[in-house]
Amino acid sequence: MKKLGTHFNRLGFTLIELMVAVGIIGVLVAGGLVAFRNSQQTARDARRRSDVDSISKALEQFYNNTNAYPAAIASIANATYFVNAALPLDPLNVAPSTYTTTTSALTYCVCALMERTTRGNSSSTACAYVPTGGATATHFCMSAQQ
């Protein structure tokens, strides 16, 4: 006489095994997305710092040529000061993520709002400098160097 039910053929995974595998994959994907988002923010902030530096250098070059800073930042948006003959745009280019500039014949202030709020050197767009990495360092600014 044969005993029934003593031999099982396991040809697949149980529901619990599949749920555990999907759960592990979900945790890994969530961690990867957070890391990817942080790296994108850091890259955009680095671009902002570079753009502010480029605008500052163009303003200094204008000052060296004319002995005064321009009354409006748009007056330096040409091939003499920028390779593509236009002012750099913020990577997101939507308010409030735009570059803020204030100029006069004697001084200027160029600022960018940082996504990672401790990556700046200023607490506002008025070149109010604070220690780098401070809790209120929400902007990266450069001012007149002459």
Protein backbone atom coordinates (compact mmCIF):
# COMPACT_ATOMS: atom_id res chain seq x y z
CA MET A 1 0.00 0.00 0.00
CA LYS A 2 1.25 3.49 -0.89
CA LYS A 3 1.28 6.31 1.58
CA LEU A 4 -0.29 9.43 0.21
CA GLY A 5 1.16 12.88 0.80
CA THR A 6 4.70 11.91 1.77
CA HIS A 7 6.42 13.15 -1.36
CA PHE A 8 6.24 16.82 -2.39
CA ASN A 9 7.56 18.24 -5.63
CA ARG A 10 8.67 21.86 -5.01
CA LEU A 11 8.65 23.50 -8.39
CA GLY A 12 8.23 27.12 -7.26
CA PHE A 13 8.48 29.63 -4.45
CA THR A 14 6.00 30.05 -1.66
CA LEU A 15 4.04 33.26 -1.28
CA ILE A 16 6.04 34.20 1.84
CA GLU A 17 9.37 33.80 0.01
CA LEU A 18 8.15 36.02 -2.83
CA MET A 19 6.89 38.68 -0.41
CA VAL A 20 10.23 38.75 1.44
CA ALA A 21 12.14 39.12 -1.84
CA VAL A 22 9.86 41.96 -3.03
CA GLY A 23 10.22 43.67 0.37
CA ILE A 24 14.03 43.54 0.20
CA ILE A 25 14.02 44.92 -3.33
CA GLY A 26 11.67 47.72 -2.24
CA VAL A 27 14.00 48.76 0.61
CA LEU A 28 17.00 48.78 -1.72
CA VAL A 29 15.19 50.86 -4.35
CA ALA A 30 14.01 53.38 -1.73
CA GLY A 31 17.58 53.80 -0.44
CA GLY A 32 18.88 54.23 -3.97
CA LEU A 33 16.30 56.90 -4.79
CA VAL A 34 17.22 58.93 -1.69
CA ALA A 35 20.91 58.76 -2.57
CA PHE A 36 20.19 59.70 -6.20
CA ARG A 37 18.08 62.70 -5.15
CA ASN A 38 20.80 63.93 -2.79
CA SER A 39 23.46 63.62 -5.49
CA GLN A 40 21.28 65.58 -7.94
CA GLN A 41 20.82 68.39 -5.40
CA THR A 42 24.55 68.50 -4.72
CA ALA A 43 25.31 68.64 -8.44
CA ARG A 44 22.83 71.48 -9.01
CA ASP A 45 24.30 73.41 -6.07
CA ALA A 46 27.80 72.96 -7.52
CA ARG A 47 26.53 74.32 -10.83
CA ARG A 48 25.01 77.31 -9.04
CA ARG A 49 28.34 78.06 -7.32
CA SER A 50 30.10 77.85 -10.68
CA ASP A 51 27.55 80.13 -12.35
CA VAL A 52 27.78 82.73 -9.59
CA ASP A 53 31.56 82.62 -9.94
CA SER A 54 31.26 83.09 -13.74
CA ILE A 55 28.94 86.08 -13.34
CA SER A 56 31.27 87.56 -10.73
CA LYS A 57 34.28 87.16 -13.02
CA ALA A 58 32.38 88.79 -15.88
CA LEU A 59 31.48 91.73 -13.63
CA GLU A 60 35.12 92.08 -12.55
CA GLN A 61 36.24 91.98 -16.19
CA PHE A 62 33.67 94.67 -17.02
CA TYR A 63 35.03 96.76 -14.13
CA ASN A 64 38.60 96.35 -15.40
CA ASN A 65 37.49 97.52 -18.86
CA THR A 66 35.34 100.49 -17.77
CA ASN A 67 36.35 101.37 -14.17
CA ALA A 68 32.75 100.84 -13.01
CA TYR A 69 30.33 97.98 -12.61
CA PRO A 70 27.35 97.89 -15.00
CA ALA A 71 24.09 99.50 -13.93
CA ALA A 72 22.20 96.40 -15.10
CA ILE A 73 23.50 92.85 -15.25
CA ALA A 74 21.92 92.34 -18.70
CA SER A 75 24.46 94.73 -20.23
CA ILE A 76 27.24 92.14 -19.86
CA ALA A 77 25.25 89.32 -21.51
CA ASN A 78 27.33 89.20 -24.67
CA ALA A 79 30.16 87.18 -26.17
CA THR A 80 32.81 89.41 -24.61
CA TYR A 81 31.99 88.12 -21.15
CA PHE A 82 30.24 84.78 -21.70
CA VAL A 83 31.05 82.05 -24.21
CA ASN A 84 27.44 81.54 -25.30
CA ALA A 85 26.68 85.30 -25.15
CA ALA A 86 24.05 84.86 -22.42
CA LEU A 87 23.88 84.93 -18.65
CA PRO A 88 23.93 81.50 -17.04
CA LEU A 89 20.56 80.11 -15.97
CA ASP A 90 19.85 78.27 -12.74
CA PRO A 91 19.64 74.48 -13.31
CA LEU A 92 15.96 74.49 -12.28
CA ASN A 93 15.29 78.01 -13.65
CA VAL A 94 11.98 78.45 -11.86
CA ALA A 95 11.26 80.89 -9.03
CA PRO A 96 12.70 81.08 -6.44
CA SER A 97 15.61 79.19 -8.03
CA THR A 98 17.01 82.05 -10.07
CA TYR A 99 20.12 84.17 -9.69
CA THR A 100 19.72 87.47 -7.87
CA THR A 101 21.98 90.37 -8.77
CA THR A 102 22.22 93.90 -7.47
CA THR A 103 24.70 96.26 -9.07
CA SER A 104 25.80 99.85 -8.84
CA ALA A 105 28.82 101.69 -10.24
CA LEU A 106 30.85 100.80 -7.13
CA THR A 107 29.68 97.36 -6.06
CA TYR A 108 27.62 94.28 -6.87
CA CYS A 109 26.17 91.22 -5.18
CA VAL A 110 25.33 88.01 -7.07
CA CYS A 111 23.45 85.27 -5.19
CA ALA A 112 21.95 81.86 -5.81
CA LEU A 113 19.50 80.03 -3.57
CA MET A 114 20.96 76.64 -2.63
CA GLU A 115 18.81 73.51 -2.45
CA ARG A 116 20.87 72.08 0.40
CA THR A 117 20.47 74.87 2.92
CA THR A 118 23.84 74.46 4.64
CA ARG A 119 25.90 74.70 1.42
CA GLY A 120 25.86 78.49 1.10
CA ASN A 121 27.82 81.37 2.59
CA SER A 122 25.04 83.94 3.07
CA SER A 123 21.72 84.17 4.86
CA SER A 124 20.03 86.32 2.21
CA THR A 125 20.43 87.81 -1.26
CA ALA A 126 22.01 90.93 0.26
CA CYS A 127 25.44 89.27 0.66
CA ALA A 128 24.88 88.89 4.42
CA TYR A 129 27.76 86.48 4.94
CA VAL A 130 27.64 83.78 7.62
CA PRO A 131 30.12 80.99 8.35
CA THR A 132 30.10 78.39 5.56
CA GLY A 133 27.87 75.49 6.48
CA GLY A 134 25.96 77.48 9.08
CA ALA A 135 22.30 76.69 9.68
CA THR A 136 21.25 79.94 7.98
CA ALA A 137 23.58 79.68 4.98
CA THR A 138 20.80 79.28 2.42
CA HIS A 139 22.40 81.35 -0.38
CA PHE A 140 25.77 81.38 -2.11
CA CYS A 141 26.82 84.95 -2.84
CA MET A 142 29.79 86.84 -4.25
CA SER A 143 30.33 90.57 -4.01
CA ALA A 144 32.65 93.19 -5.47
CA GLN A 145 36.33 92.32 -5.26
CA GLN A 146 37.73 95.73 -6.31
